[in-house]
C-alpha atoms as a PDB file:
ATOM      1  CA  UNK A   1      68.492 -19.446 192.304  1.00  0.00           C
ATOM      2  CA  UNK A   2      68.972 -17.659 188.174  1.00  0.00           C
ATOM      3  CA  UNK A   3      72.500 -15.537 188.229  1.00  0.00           C
ATOM      4  CA  UNK A   4      72.267 -11.949 186.539  1.00  0.00           C
ATOM      5  CA  UNK A   5      75.422  -9.951 185.182  1.00  0.00           C
ATOM      6  CA  UNK A   6      74.106  -6.955 184.522  1.00  0.00           C
ATOM      7  CA  UNK A   7      73.898  -2.849 185.176  1.00  0.00           C
ATOM      8  CA  UNK A   8      73.316  -1.309 188.511  1.00  0.00           C
ATOM      9  CA  UNK A   9      72.490   2.542 187.751  1.00  0.00           C
ATOM     10  CA  UNK A  10      74.023   4.765 190.235  1.00  0.00           C
ATOM     11  CA  UNK A  11      75.155   9.379 189.411  1.00  0.00           C
ATOM     12  CA  UNK A  12      73.063  11.776 188.562  1.00  0.00           C
ATOM     13  CA  UNK A  13      69.892  13.456 186.609  1.00  0.00           C
ATOM     14  CA  UNK A  14      71.691  12.904 184.069  1.00  0.00           C
ATOM     15  CA  UNK A  15      74.716  11.470 184.389  1.00  0.00           C
ATOM     16  CA  UNK A  16      74.745   7.505 185.332  1.00  0.00           C
ATOM     17  CA  UNK A  17      78.220   5.774 185.848  1.00  0.00           C
ATOM     18  CA  UNK A  18      77.522   2.151 186.178  1.00  0.00           C
ATOM     19  CA  UNK A  19      78.285  -1.065 188.622  1.00  0.00           C
ATOM     20  CA  UNK A  20      78.320  -4.007 186.795  1.00  0.00           C
ATOM     21  CA  UNK A  21      76.919  -6.583 189.338  1.00  0.00           C
ATOM     22  CA  UNK A  22      75.819 -10.492 189.575  1.00  0.00           C
ATOM     23  CA  UNK A  23      73.330 -10.712 191.392  1.00  0.00           C
ATOM     24  CA  UNK A  24      69.817 -12.948 191.154  1.00  0.00           C
ATOM     25  CA  UNK A  25      67.338 -12.308 188.427  1.00  0.00           C
ATOM     26  CA  UNK A  26      65.036 -11.628 190.906  1.00  0.00           C
ATOM     27  CA  UNK A  27      66.168  -8.549 192.532  1.00  0.00           C
ATOM     28  CA  UNK A  28      65.333  -5.302 191.662  1.00  0.00           C
ATOM     29  CA  UNK A  29      67.582  -3.294 189.271  1.00  0.00           C
ATOM     30  CA  UNK A  30      69.552  -1.291 191.567  1.00  0.00           C
ATOM     31  CA  UNK A  31      68.698  -3.947 194.760  1.00  0.00           C
ATOM     32  CA  UNK A  32      70.707  -6.636 196.604  1.00  0.00           C
ATOM     33  CA  UNK A  33      73.907  -8.051 194.929  1.00  0.00           C
ATOM     34  CA  UNK A  34      76.064 -11.256 194.844  1.00  0.00           C
ATOM     35  CA  UNK A  35      79.306  -9.179 194.024  1.00  0.00           C
ATOM     36  CA  UNK A  36      80.446  -5.808 192.065  1.00  0.00           C
ATOM     37  CA  UNK A  37      82.511  -6.390 188.994  1.00  0.00           C
ATOM     38  CA  UNK A  38      83.217  -3.003 188.124  1.00  0.00           C
ATOM     39  CA  UNK A  39      82.273  -0.514 186.294  1.00  0.00           C
ATOM     40  CA  UNK A  40      81.069   1.530 182.808  1.00  0.00           C
ATOM     41  CA  UNK A  41      80.851   5.460 182.762  1.00  0.00           C
ATOM     42  CA  UNK A  42      78.820   6.302 178.888  1.00  0.00           C
ATOM     43  CA  UNK A  43      80.017   9.987 179.741  1.00  0.00           C
ATOM     44  CA  UNK A  44      83.821   9.279 180.466  1.00  0.00           C
ATOM     45  CA  UNK A  45      85.618  13.048 181.083  1.00  0.00           C
ATOM     46  CA  UNK A  46      85.506  16.225 183.243  1.00  0.00           C
ATOM     47  CA  UNK A  47      83.601  13.023 186.276  1.00  0.00           C
ATOM     48  CA  UNK A  48      85.883  10.718 187.910  1.00  0.00           C
ATOM     49  CA  UNK A  49      86.451   7.497 187.413  1.00  0.00           C
ATOM     50  CA  UNK A  50      87.667   9.602 183.607  1.00  0.00           C
ATOM     51  CA  UNK A  51      87.945   6.039 182.296  1.00  0.00           C
ATOM     52  CA  UNK A  52      85.006   4.924 180.566  1.00  0.00           C
ATOM     53  CA  UNK A  53      85.485   0.748 181.734  1.00  0.00           C
ATOM     54  CA  UNK A  54      87.051  -0.806 184.531  1.00  0.00           C
ATOM     55  CA  UNK A  55      86.065  -4.710 184.472  1.00  0.00           C
ATOM     56  CA  UNK A  56      86.920  -7.156 186.959  1.00  0.00           C
ATOM     57  CA  UNK A  57      88.126  -9.804 184.279  1.00  0.00           C
ATOM     58  CA  UNK A  58      88.937 -12.881 186.294  1.00  0.00           C
ATOM     59  CA  UNK A  59      86.228 -12.741 187.987  1.00  0.00           C
ATOM     60  CA  UNK A  60      83.556 -11.712 185.448  1.00  0.00           C
ATOM     61  CA  UNK A  61      85.174 -15.513 183.920  1.00  0.00           C
ATOM     62  CA  UNK A  62      83.766 -17.193 186.666  1.00  0.00           C
ATOM     63  CA  UNK A  63      80.720 -16.217 187.321  1.00  0.00           C
ATOM     64  CA  UNK A  64      80.061 -17.439 182.819  1.00  0.00           C
ATOM     65  CA  UNK A  65      81.448 -20.502 183.623  1.00  0.00           C
ATOM     66  CA  UNK A  66      79.135 -21.367 187.051  1.00  0.00           C
ATOM     67  CA  UNK A  67      75.939 -20.247 184.243  1.00  0.00           C
ATOM     68  CA  UNK A  68      75.775 -16.444 184.567  1.00  0.00           C
ATOM     69  CA  UNK A  69      73.547 -15.331 182.073  1.00  0.00           C
ATOM     70  CA  UNK A  70      74.919 -11.832 180.838  1.00  0.00           C
ATOM     71  CA  UNK A  71      71.791  -9.173 180.130  1.00  0.00           C
ATOM     72  CA  UNK A  72      72.512  -6.952 176.241  1.00  0.00           C
ATOM     73  CA  UNK A  73      74.619  -4.285 177.584  1.00  0.00           C
ATOM     74  CA  UNK A  74      77.018  -6.216 179.605  1.00  0.00           C
ATOM     75  CA  UNK A  75      77.015  -8.358 176.213  1.00  0.00           C
ATOM     76  CA  UNK A  76      78.230  -5.520 174.426  1.00  0.00           C
ATOM     77  CA  UNK A  77      81.044  -4.655 177.595  1.00  0.00           C
ATOM     78  CA  UNK A  78      82.608  -8.311 177.744  1.00  0.00           C
ATOM     79  CA  UNK A  79      82.642  -8.004 174.341  1.00  0.00           C
ATOM     80  CA  UNK A  80      84.768  -4.977 174.155  1.00  0.00           C
ATOM     81  CA  UNK A  81      86.800  -6.331 176.849  1.00  0.00           C
ATOM     82  CA  UNK A  82      87.423  -9.019 174.920  1.00  0.00           C
ATOM     83  CA  UNK A  83      85.554 -12.159 177.850  1.00  0.00           C
ATOM     84  CA  UNK A  84      83.073 -12.594 175.356  1.00  0.00           C
ATOM     85  CA  UNK A  85      83.352 -13.265 171.509  1.00  0.00           C
ATOM     86  CA  UNK A  86      81.875 -10.876 169.261  1.00  0.00           C
ATOM     87  CA  UNK A  87      77.629 -11.811 169.374  1.00  0.00           C
ATOM     88  CA  UNK A  88      75.989 -12.786 165.613  1.00  0.00           C
ATOM     89  CA  UNK A  89      74.699  -9.689 163.865  1.00  0.00           C
ATOM     90  CA  UNK A  90      72.863  -9.956 160.603  1.00  0.00           C
ATOM     91  CA  UNK A  91      71.558  -6.258 158.586  1.00  0.00           C
ATOM     92  CA  UNK A  92      67.656  -5.919 158.631  1.00  0.00           C
ATOM     93  CA  UNK A  93      65.935  -5.087 156.243  1.00  0.00           C
ATOM     94  CA  UNK A  94      63.243  -3.862 157.093  1.00  0.00           C
ATOM     95  CA  UNK A  95      60.500  -4.780 159.787  1.00  0.00           C
ATOM     96  CA  UNK A  96      58.794  -8.524 158.996  1.00  0.00           C
ATOM     97  CA  UNK A  97      61.083  -8.348 155.805  1.00  0.00           C
ATOM     98  CA  UNK A  98      63.792 -11.227 154.760  1.00  0.00           C
ATOM     99  CA  UNK A  99      67.281 -10.773 156.968  1.00  0.00           C
ATOM    100  CA  UNK A 100      70.410  -9.482 154.541  1.00  0.00           C
ATOM    101  CA  UNK A 101      72.928 -11.837 154.220  1.00  0.00           C
ATOM    102  CA  UNK A 102      75.994  -9.052 154.432  1.00  0.00           C
ATOM    103  CA  UNK A 103      78.194  -8.813 157.585  1.00  0.00           C
ATOM    104  CA  UNK A 104      78.459  -6.431 159.988  1.00  0.00           C
ATOM    105  CA  UNK A 105      80.954  -5.186 161.706  1.00  0.00           C
ATOM    106  CA  UNK A 106      80.072  -5.331 165.524  1.00  0.00           C
ATOM    107  CA  UNK A 107      81.573  -2.479 166.832  1.00  0.00           C
ATOM    108  CA  UNK A 108      80.074  -0.171 164.825  1.00  0.00           C
ATOM    109  CA  UNK A 109      77.040  -1.666 163.715  1.00  0.00           C
ATOM    110  CA  UNK A 110      77.428  -0.821 159.781  1.00  0.00           C
ATOM    111  CA  UNK A 111      78.112  -3.051 156.957  1.00  0.00           C
ATOM    112  CA  UNK A 112      81.245  -4.507 155.391  1.00  0.00           C
ATOM    113  CA  UNK A 113      82.415  -3.797 151.775  1.00  0.00           C
ATOM    114  CA  UNK A 114      83.350  -7.091 150.670  1.00  0.00           C
ATOM    115  CA  UNK A 115      82.863  -5.947 147.388  1.00  0.00           C
ATOM    116  CA  UNK A 116      86.323  -4.496 146.109  1.00  0.00           C
ATOM    117  CA  UNK A 117      86.370  -1.858 143.957  1.00  0.00           C
ATOM    118  CA  UNK A 118      86.448  -2.556 139.953  1.00  0.00           C
ATOM    119  CA  UNK A 119      89.951  -2.470 138.834  1.00  0.00           C
ATOM    120  CA  UNK A 120      90.296   0.475 136.056  1.00  0.00           C
ATOM    121  CA  UNK A 121      91.350  -1.371 132.645  1.00  0.00           C
ATOM    122  CA  UNK A 122      92.669   0.373 129.209  1.00  0.00           C
ATOM    123  CA  UNK A 123      90.731  -0.052 126.717  1.00  0.00           C
ATOM    124  CA  UNK A 124      92.034  -1.587 122.610  1.00  0.00           C
ATOM    125  CA  UNK A 125      91.870   2.188 121.492  1.00  0.00           C
ATOM    126  CA  UNK A 126      93.793   3.416 124.185  1.00  0.00           C
ATOM    127  CA  UNK A 127      96.828   1.073 123.730  1.00  0.00           C
ATOM    128  CA  UNK A 128      96.444   0.655 120.093  1.00  0.00           C
ATOM    129  CA  UNK A 129      97.160   4.685 120.224  1.00  0.00           C
ATOM    130  CA  UNK A 130      99.931   4.245 122.860  1.00  0.00           C
ATOM    131  CA  UNK A 131     101.588   1.731 120.810  1.00  0.00           C
ATOM    132  CA  UNK A 132     101.690   3.544 117.418  1.00  0.00           C
ATOM    133  CA  UNK A 133     103.253   6.508 118.905  1.00  0.00           C
END
């Protein structure tokens, strides 16, 4: 039995609310689960609960230690909670093309600027003119 950490959808139409749960990979999305590990509210605001994320970290680490596989959305949630390291990300140049090797910020998805801005240096003419005055 392969255990997956995944999201189960609750809430009304256009107001999703998810539970993070450990479930058998063969069970349906909103079906039978082994354990509820927390919740994720993508639309925090006036709705209950106002906190967008609550997670039982000890139980999440336990399931990962015994071989449970996290789905992609749950991996991002666990990274934001500090349970998992950041996933390796590379910027894609174009579809089917070579990958860009510049580093990408895992939270925003933007390319990190590793180049230093050019320093402003005075030219030799300006320096010579300033010394004679």
